[in-house]
Amino acid sequence: MDITRSQVARLQKLLDSGFRFVSIERVERYLGVERDGFAALLEPSEGQLRIFSQVGYRLEGGIAMLVERGEGKAFVWHDQEVPATPELLERYRRFRADLEELLKEE
């Protein structure tokens, strides 16, 4: 994976903001970032870093996506499910917003 200076600067901003880099099984070609129990996959593209797929809740072995169910929202990955409490939803919103802001081109 070739990383530009601009991408390195963005990665440093992520580290400075409390994100950490993680490896996620079966998607090693993407750079995983995690903070406060949530994770995203980043893909270097056209000199930028972009979020690949969706941001989600980190569960053992993968990233659980937020889904709407009859009984309410939940983070789901394969046969694992975590109810989306108001606290988790706020942390999810903050994670996404912070990540998007830090990846935004200036």
N, C-alpha and C. Protein backbone atom coordinates (compact mmCIF):
# COMPACT_ATOMS: atom_id res chain seq x y z
N MET A 1 0.85 -1.17 0.00
CA MET A 1 0.00 0.00 0.00
C MET A 1 0.89 1.24 0.00
N ASP A 2 0.76 2.06 -1.02
CA ASP A 2 1.52 3.30 -1.10
C ASP A 2 0.73 4.41 -0.42
N ILE A 3 1.41 5.14 0.46
CA ILE A 3 0.78 6.22 1.22
C ILE A 3 1.50 7.53 0.90
N THR A 4 0.74 8.57 0.57
CA THR A 4 1.32 9.87 0.28
C THR A 4 1.59 10.64 1.57
N ARG A 5 2.35 11.71 1.46
CA ARG A 5 2.62 12.56 2.64
C ARG A 5 1.32 13.12 3.22
N SER A 6 0.41 13.51 2.35
CA SER A 6 -0.88 14.04 2.80
C SER A 6 -1.65 12.98 3.60
N GLN A 7 -1.62 11.73 3.12
CA GLN A 7 -2.30 10.65 3.82
C GLN A 7 -1.62 10.38 5.16
N VAL A 8 -0.30 10.44 5.20
CA VAL A 8 0.44 10.25 6.46
C VAL A 8 0.03 11.33 7.46
N ALA A 9 -0.11 12.56 6.99
CA ALA A 9 -0.53 13.66 7.87
C ALA A 9 -1.92 13.39 8.43
N ARG A 10 -2.83 12.88 7.62
CA ARG A 10 -4.17 12.55 8.09
C ARG A 10 -4.13 11.41 9.11
N LEU A 11 -3.30 10.42 8.84
CA LEU A 11 -3.16 9.31 9.79
C LEU A 11 -2.63 9.81 11.13
N GLN A 12 -1.69 10.74 11.10
CA GLN A 12 -1.17 11.31 12.34
C GLN A 12 -2.26 12.05 13.09
N LYS A 13 -3.12 12.78 12.37
CA LYS A 13 -4.24 13.48 13.01
C LYS A 13 -5.17 12.48 13.69
N LEU A 14 -5.39 11.34 13.05
CA LEU A 14 -6.22 10.31 13.66
C LEU A 14 -5.61 9.82 14.97
N LEU A 15 -4.31 9.54 14.95
CA LEU A 15 -3.63 9.09 16.16
C LEU A 15 -3.72 10.15 17.26
N ASP A 16 -3.49 11.40 16.88
CA ASP A 16 -3.54 12.51 17.84
C ASP A 16 -4.94 12.70 18.43
N SER A 17 -5.96 12.22 17.74
CA SER A 17 -7.35 12.35 18.20
C SER A 17 -7.86 11.11 18.91
N GLY A 18 -6.96 10.20 19.26
CA GLY A 18 -7.35 9.03 20.05
C GLY A 18 -7.71 7.79 19.27
N PHE A 19 -7.62 7.85 17.95
CA PHE A 19 -7.86 6.65 17.15
C PHE A 19 -6.62 5.77 17.23
N ARG A 20 -6.81 4.48 17.03
CA ARG A 20 -5.66 3.57 16.94
C ARG A 20 -5.85 2.70 15.72
N PHE A 21 -4.75 2.21 15.20
CA PHE A 21 -4.79 1.35 14.02
C PHE A 21 -4.97 -0.09 14.44
N VAL A 22 -5.84 -0.81 13.74
CA VAL A 22 -6.12 -2.20 14.05
C VAL A 22 -6.17 -3.01 12.76
N SER A 23 -5.89 -4.28 12.90
CA SER A 23 -6.02 -5.21 11.79
C SER A 23 -7.32 -5.98 11.98
N ILE A 24 -8.11 -6.07 10.94
CA ILE A 24 -9.39 -6.77 11.02
C ILE A 24 -9.34 -7.95 10.06
N GLU A 25 -9.58 -9.11 10.62
CA GLU A 25 -9.49 -10.36 9.87
C GLU A 25 -10.32 -10.33 8.59
N ARG A 26 -9.77 -10.85 7.55
CA ARG A 26 -10.38 -10.99 6.21
C ARG A 26 -10.46 -9.69 5.42
N VAL A 27 -10.05 -8.59 5.99
CA VAL A 27 -10.04 -7.32 5.25
C VAL A 27 -8.72 -6.59 5.49
N GLU A 28 -7.64 -7.36 5.54
CA GLU A 28 -6.33 -6.81 5.85
C GLU A 28 -5.84 -5.80 4.81
N ARG A 29 -6.42 -5.80 3.64
CA ARG A 29 -5.96 -4.86 2.62
C ARG A 29 -6.37 -3.42 2.94
N TYR A 30 -7.29 -3.26 3.88
CA TYR A 30 -7.71 -1.93 4.32
C TYR A 30 -7.08 -1.62 5.67
N LEU A 31 -6.93 -0.35 5.94
CA LEU A 31 -6.40 0.10 7.22
C LEU A 31 -7.55 0.26 8.19
N GLY A 32 -7.53 -0.49 9.27
CA GLY A 32 -8.59 -0.38 10.27
C GLY A 32 -8.23 0.68 11.31
N VAL A 33 -9.22 1.49 11.68
CA VAL A 33 -9.06 2.45 12.77
C VAL A 33 -10.17 2.20 13.78
N GLU A 34 -9.82 2.39 15.05
CA GLU A 34 -10.77 2.11 16.11
C GLU A 34 -10.64 3.17 17.20
N ARG A 35 -11.78 3.48 17.80
CA ARG A 35 -11.80 4.36 18.97
C ARG A 35 -13.12 4.14 19.70
N ASP A 36 -13.05 4.04 20.98
CA ASP A 36 -14.24 3.97 21.83
C ASP A 36 -15.17 2.82 21.45
N GLY A 37 -14.59 1.70 20.98
CA GLY A 37 -15.38 0.53 20.65
C GLY A 37 -15.92 0.49 19.23
N PHE A 38 -15.67 1.55 18.46
CA PHE A 38 -16.15 1.60 17.08
C PHE A 38 -14.98 1.54 16.12
N ALA A 39 -15.25 1.06 14.91
CA ALA A 39 -14.18 0.86 13.94
C ALA A 39 -14.65 1.22 12.53
N ALA A 40 -13.66 1.50 11.69
CA ALA A 40 -13.91 1.75 10.27
C ALA A 40 -12.72 1.25 9.48
N LEU A 41 -12.96 0.97 8.22
CA LEU A 41 -11.89 0.59 7.31
C LEU A 41 -11.60 1.77 6.40
N LEU A 42 -10.31 2.07 6.23
CA LEU A 42 -9.90 3.17 5.37
C LEU A 42 -9.20 2.63 4.15
N GLU A 43 -9.44 3.29 3.03
CA GLU A 43 -8.83 2.90 1.77
C GLU A 43 -8.12 4.10 1.16
N PRO A 44 -6.80 3.97 0.91
CA PRO A 44 -6.12 5.05 0.19
C PRO A 44 -6.64 5.09 -1.24
N SER A 45 -7.06 6.27 -1.68
CA SER A 45 -7.62 6.39 -3.02
C SER A 45 -7.37 7.79 -3.55
N GLU A 46 -6.74 7.88 -4.70
CA GLU A 46 -6.51 9.15 -5.38
C GLU A 46 -5.89 10.19 -4.45
N GLY A 47 -4.90 9.79 -3.65
CA GLY A 47 -4.19 10.70 -2.77
C GLY A 47 -4.93 11.03 -1.49
N GLN A 48 -6.09 10.43 -1.28
CA GLN A 48 -6.87 10.68 -0.07
C GLN A 48 -7.06 9.39 0.69
N LEU A 49 -7.62 9.50 1.89
CA LEU A 49 -8.07 8.34 2.64
C LEU A 49 -9.58 8.41 2.69
N ARG A 50 -10.23 7.32 2.29
CA ARG A 50 -11.69 7.28 2.26
C ARG A 50 -12.18 6.13 3.13
N ILE A 51 -13.36 6.33 3.69
CA ILE A 51 -13.98 5.27 4.48
C ILE A 51 -14.51 4.23 3.50
N PHE A 52 -14.09 2.97 3.71
CA PHE A 52 -14.57 1.86 2.89
C PHE A 52 -15.73 1.21 3.64
N SER A 53 -16.84 1.03 3.00
CA SER A 53 -18.02 0.41 3.59
C SER A 53 -18.60 1.32 4.67
N GLN A 54 -19.03 0.74 5.77
CA GLN A 54 -19.69 1.50 6.83
C GLN A 54 -18.86 1.50 8.11
N VAL A 55 -19.08 2.51 8.91
CA VAL A 55 -18.54 2.56 10.26
C VAL A 55 -19.41 1.65 11.11
N GLY A 56 -18.81 0.97 12.09
CA GLY A 56 -19.62 0.08 12.93
C GLY A 56 -19.01 -0.17 14.28
N TYR A 57 -19.67 -1.01 15.04
CA TYR A 57 -19.26 -1.39 16.39
C TYR A 57 -18.32 -2.58 16.30
N ARG A 58 -17.20 -2.52 16.96
CA ARG A 58 -16.20 -3.58 16.86
C ARG A 58 -16.58 -4.77 17.73
N LEU A 59 -16.76 -5.90 17.09
CA LEU A 59 -17.00 -7.16 17.77
C LEU A 59 -15.86 -8.10 17.42
N GLU A 60 -15.71 -9.13 18.20
CA GLU A 60 -14.64 -10.09 17.94
C GLU A 60 -14.74 -10.61 16.51
N GLY A 61 -13.71 -10.36 15.73
CA GLY A 61 -13.65 -10.86 14.38
C GLY A 61 -14.20 -9.96 13.30
N GLY A 62 -14.88 -8.87 13.66
CA GLY A 62 -15.43 -8.04 12.61
C GLY A 62 -16.03 -6.73 13.10
N ILE A 63 -16.73 -6.09 12.19
CA ILE A 63 -17.38 -4.80 12.48
C ILE A 63 -18.88 -4.99 12.32
N ALA A 64 -19.62 -4.76 13.40
CA ALA A 64 -21.07 -4.89 13.38
C ALA A 64 -21.69 -3.61 12.84
N MET A 65 -22.57 -3.75 11.87
CA MET A 65 -23.22 -2.62 11.23
C MET A 65 -24.52 -2.28 11.96
N LEU A 66 -24.86 -1.00 11.96
CA LEU A 66 -26.10 -0.54 12.58
C LEU A 66 -27.26 -0.88 11.65
N VAL A 67 -28.24 -1.60 12.19
CA VAL A 67 -29.42 -1.97 11.42
C VAL A 67 -30.68 -1.64 12.22
N GLU A 68 -31.77 -1.42 11.50
CA GLU A 68 -33.07 -1.16 12.12
C GLU A 68 -33.85 -2.46 12.10
N ARG A 69 -34.32 -2.85 13.26
CA ARG A 69 -35.11 -4.07 13.38
C ARG A 69 -36.47 -3.71 13.96
N GLY A 70 -37.40 -4.64 13.92
CA GLY A 70 -38.72 -4.40 14.50
C GLY A 70 -38.65 -3.99 15.95
N GLU A 71 -37.71 -4.57 16.69
CA GLU A 71 -37.58 -4.26 18.12
C GLU A 71 -36.62 -3.09 18.39
N GLY A 72 -36.16 -2.44 17.33
CA GLY A 72 -35.28 -1.28 17.49
C GLY A 72 -33.97 -1.46 16.76
N LYS A 73 -33.06 -0.52 16.98
CA LYS A 73 -31.76 -0.56 16.30
C LYS A 73 -30.80 -1.47 17.05
N ALA A 74 -29.89 -2.08 16.27
CA ALA A 74 -28.88 -2.96 16.85
C ALA A 74 -27.65 -2.95 15.94
N PHE A 75 -26.51 -3.25 16.52
CA PHE A 75 -25.28 -3.46 15.76
C PHE A 75 -25.17 -4.97 15.55
N VAL A 76 -25.11 -5.38 14.27
CA VAL A 76 -25.17 -6.80 13.93
C VAL A 76 -23.97 -7.19 13.08
N TRP A 77 -23.36 -8.33 13.45
CA TRP A 77 -22.30 -8.93 12.64
C TRP A 77 -22.47 -10.44 12.73
N HIS A 78 -22.77 -11.05 11.62
CA HIS A 78 -23.07 -12.49 11.54
C HIS A 78 -24.12 -12.85 12.58
N ASP A 79 -23.81 -13.73 13.51
CA ASP A 79 -24.81 -14.15 14.51
C ASP A 79 -24.69 -13.36 15.82
N GLN A 80 -23.87 -12.33 15.83
CA GLN A 80 -23.70 -11.50 17.03
C GLN A 80 -24.52 -10.23 16.90
N GLU A 81 -25.11 -9.81 18.01
CA GLU A 81 -25.95 -8.61 17.99
C GLU A 81 -25.81 -7.87 19.31
N VAL A 82 -25.67 -6.54 19.21
CA VAL A 82 -25.59 -5.68 20.39
C VAL A 82 -26.67 -4.61 20.25
N PRO A 83 -27.58 -4.51 21.22
CA PRO A 83 -28.60 -3.47 21.14
C PRO A 83 -27.97 -2.08 21.07
N ALA A 84 -28.52 -1.22 20.24
CA ALA A 84 -28.00 0.13 20.06
C ALA A 84 -28.64 1.05 21.10
N THR A 85 -28.04 1.11 22.26
CA THR A 85 -28.53 1.96 23.34
C THR A 85 -28.30 3.42 22.97
N PRO A 86 -28.99 4.35 23.63
CA PRO A 86 -28.74 5.77 23.36
C PRO A 86 -27.26 6.14 23.54
N GLU A 87 -26.60 5.57 24.55
CA GLU A 87 -25.18 5.86 24.76
C GLU A 87 -24.34 5.37 23.58
N LEU A 88 -24.58 4.13 23.13
CA LEU A 88 -23.83 3.60 21.98
C LEU A 88 -24.10 4.41 20.72
N LEU A 89 -25.34 4.82 20.51
CA LEU A 89 -25.67 5.60 19.33
C LEU A 89 -24.96 6.96 19.35
N GLU A 90 -24.83 7.56 20.52
CA GLU A 90 -24.12 8.84 20.62
C GLU A 90 -22.63 8.64 20.35
N ARG A 91 -22.03 7.58 20.89
CA ARG A 91 -20.62 7.29 20.63
C ARG A 91 -20.40 6.99 19.15
N TYR A 92 -21.34 6.27 18.54
CA TYR A 92 -21.28 5.96 17.11
C TYR A 92 -21.32 7.24 16.29
N ARG A 93 -22.25 8.14 16.62
CA ARG A 93 -22.38 9.41 15.91
C ARG A 93 -21.10 10.24 16.04
N ARG A 94 -20.55 10.30 17.25
CA ARG A 94 -19.33 11.07 17.48
C ARG A 94 -18.14 10.47 16.74
N PHE A 95 -18.02 9.15 16.74
CA PHE A 95 -16.95 8.47 16.01
C PHE A 95 -17.01 8.81 14.53
N ARG A 96 -18.19 8.64 13.94
CA ARG A 96 -18.37 8.94 12.50
C ARG A 96 -18.06 10.39 12.17
N ALA A 97 -18.61 11.29 12.97
CA ALA A 97 -18.41 12.72 12.71
C ALA A 97 -16.93 13.10 12.82
N ASP A 98 -16.28 12.63 13.87
CA ASP A 98 -14.85 12.94 14.06
C ASP A 98 -14.01 12.35 12.93
N LEU A 99 -14.29 11.11 12.56
CA LEU A 99 -13.53 10.47 11.49
C LEU A 99 -13.71 11.21 10.17
N GLU A 100 -14.94 11.53 9.83
CA GLU A 100 -15.20 12.24 8.58
C GLU A 100 -14.52 13.60 8.56
N GLU A 101 -14.53 14.30 9.69
CA GLU A 101 -13.90 15.61 9.76
C GLU A 101 -12.38 15.49 9.61
N LEU A 102 -11.78 14.50 10.26
CA LEU A 102 -10.33 14.34 10.18
C LEU A 102 -9.86 13.89 8.80
N LEU A 103 -10.71 13.22 8.05
CA LEU A 103 -10.34 12.75 6.71
C LEU A 103 -10.63 13.78 5.62
N LYS A 104 -11.39 14.81 5.97
CA LYS A 104 -11.79 15.82 4.99
C LYS A 104 -10.56 16.57 4.46
N GLU A 105 -10.58 16.78 3.16
CA GLU A 105 -9.50 17.56 2.53
C GLU A 105 -9.64 19.01 2.91
N GLU A 106 -8.54 19.65 3.15
CA GLU A 106 -8.55 21.07 3.55
C GLU A 106 -8.45 21.98 2.35
